[in-house]
Protein backbone atom coordinates (compact mmCIF):
# COMPACT_ATOMS: atom_id res chain seq x y z
CA MET A 1 -16.14 49.36 82.15
CA ASN A 2 -19.08 50.92 80.35
CA GLU A 3 -21.55 49.17 78.06
CA ASN A 4 -19.73 50.27 74.90
CA GLU A 5 -16.40 48.90 76.18
CA SER A 6 -18.07 45.61 77.11
CA GLY A 7 -19.47 45.36 73.61
CA ILE A 8 -16.05 46.02 72.07
CA LEU A 9 -14.47 43.32 74.24
CA GLU A 10 -17.16 40.81 73.32
CA GLU A 11 -16.68 41.59 69.64
CA TYR A 12 -12.90 41.23 70.08
CA LYS A 13 -13.37 37.76 71.52
CA SER A 14 -15.30 36.71 68.41
CA PHE A 15 -12.14 37.16 66.30
CA PHE A 16 -10.11 34.58 68.24
CA THR A 17 -10.17 30.97 69.36
CA GLU A 18 -10.10 30.15 73.06
CA SER A 19 -6.45 29.09 72.76
CA ASP A 20 -5.53 32.44 71.16
CA LEU A 21 -7.28 34.33 73.96
CA ALA A 22 -5.09 32.51 76.50
CA LYS A 23 -1.81 33.41 74.76
CA PRO A 24 0.35 36.40 75.64
CA ILE A 25 0.12 39.10 72.95
CA LYS A 26 3.73 38.53 71.85
CA GLU A 27 2.84 34.95 70.86
CA LEU A 28 -0.05 35.94 68.58
CA SER A 29 0.30 36.19 64.81
CA PHE A 30 1.09 39.58 63.26
CA SER A 31 -2.52 40.15 62.22
CA SER A 32 -3.81 39.16 65.66
CA ARG A 33 -1.38 41.56 67.35
CA LYS A 34 -2.43 44.33 64.97
CA LEU A 35 -6.10 43.70 65.68
CA THR A 36 -5.35 43.69 69.41
CA ALA A 37 -3.63 47.08 69.08
CA VAL A 38 -6.66 48.55 67.29
CA ILE A 39 -9.01 47.23 69.98
CA MET A 40 -6.76 48.58 72.74
CA ALA A 41 -6.83 52.00 71.07
CA LEU A 42 -10.62 51.90 70.91
CA LEU A 43 -10.80 51.04 74.61
CA SER A 44 -8.46 53.87 75.64
CA ASP A 45 -9.72 57.09 77.17
CA ALA A 46 -8.23 59.10 74.31
CA THR A 47 -10.32 61.90 72.86
CA ILE A 48 -8.81 61.37 69.40
CA ILE A 49 -7.38 58.15 67.97
CA LEU A 50 -5.19 58.33 64.86
CA LEU A 51 -4.85 55.00 63.08
CA ASP A 52 -2.30 54.73 60.28
CA ASN A 53 -3.28 51.80 58.04
CA PRO A 54 -5.04 49.81 60.78
CA CYS A 55 -6.00 47.05 58.31
CA GLU A 56 -2.55 46.67 56.73
CA GLY A 57 -1.34 43.12 57.16
CA LEU A 58 -4.80 41.70 57.88
CA ASP A 59 -6.26 39.12 55.56
CA TYR A 60 -9.31 40.04 53.50
CA ASP A 61 -11.85 38.21 55.68
CA LEU A 62 -10.49 39.77 58.86
CA LYS A 63 -10.61 43.23 57.26
CA LEU A 64 -14.25 42.74 56.37
CA LYS A 65 -15.09 41.53 59.85
CA LEU A 66 -13.23 44.42 61.48
CA LEU A 67 -14.89 47.08 59.34
């Protein structure tokens, strides 16, 4: 894992409580699953990432924090 990926993971952790981090993805809320999908895309080795409405379904505060 490179420094950029480590930074993304640390930032990801700041969005969740410790109990949320311990849950399987399928048990997270819709917005938490959506955020997880965006973070997973950012951590992929893809050259291009196409995101269709990545903030749809996220509450206002979470959108601001993500952007």
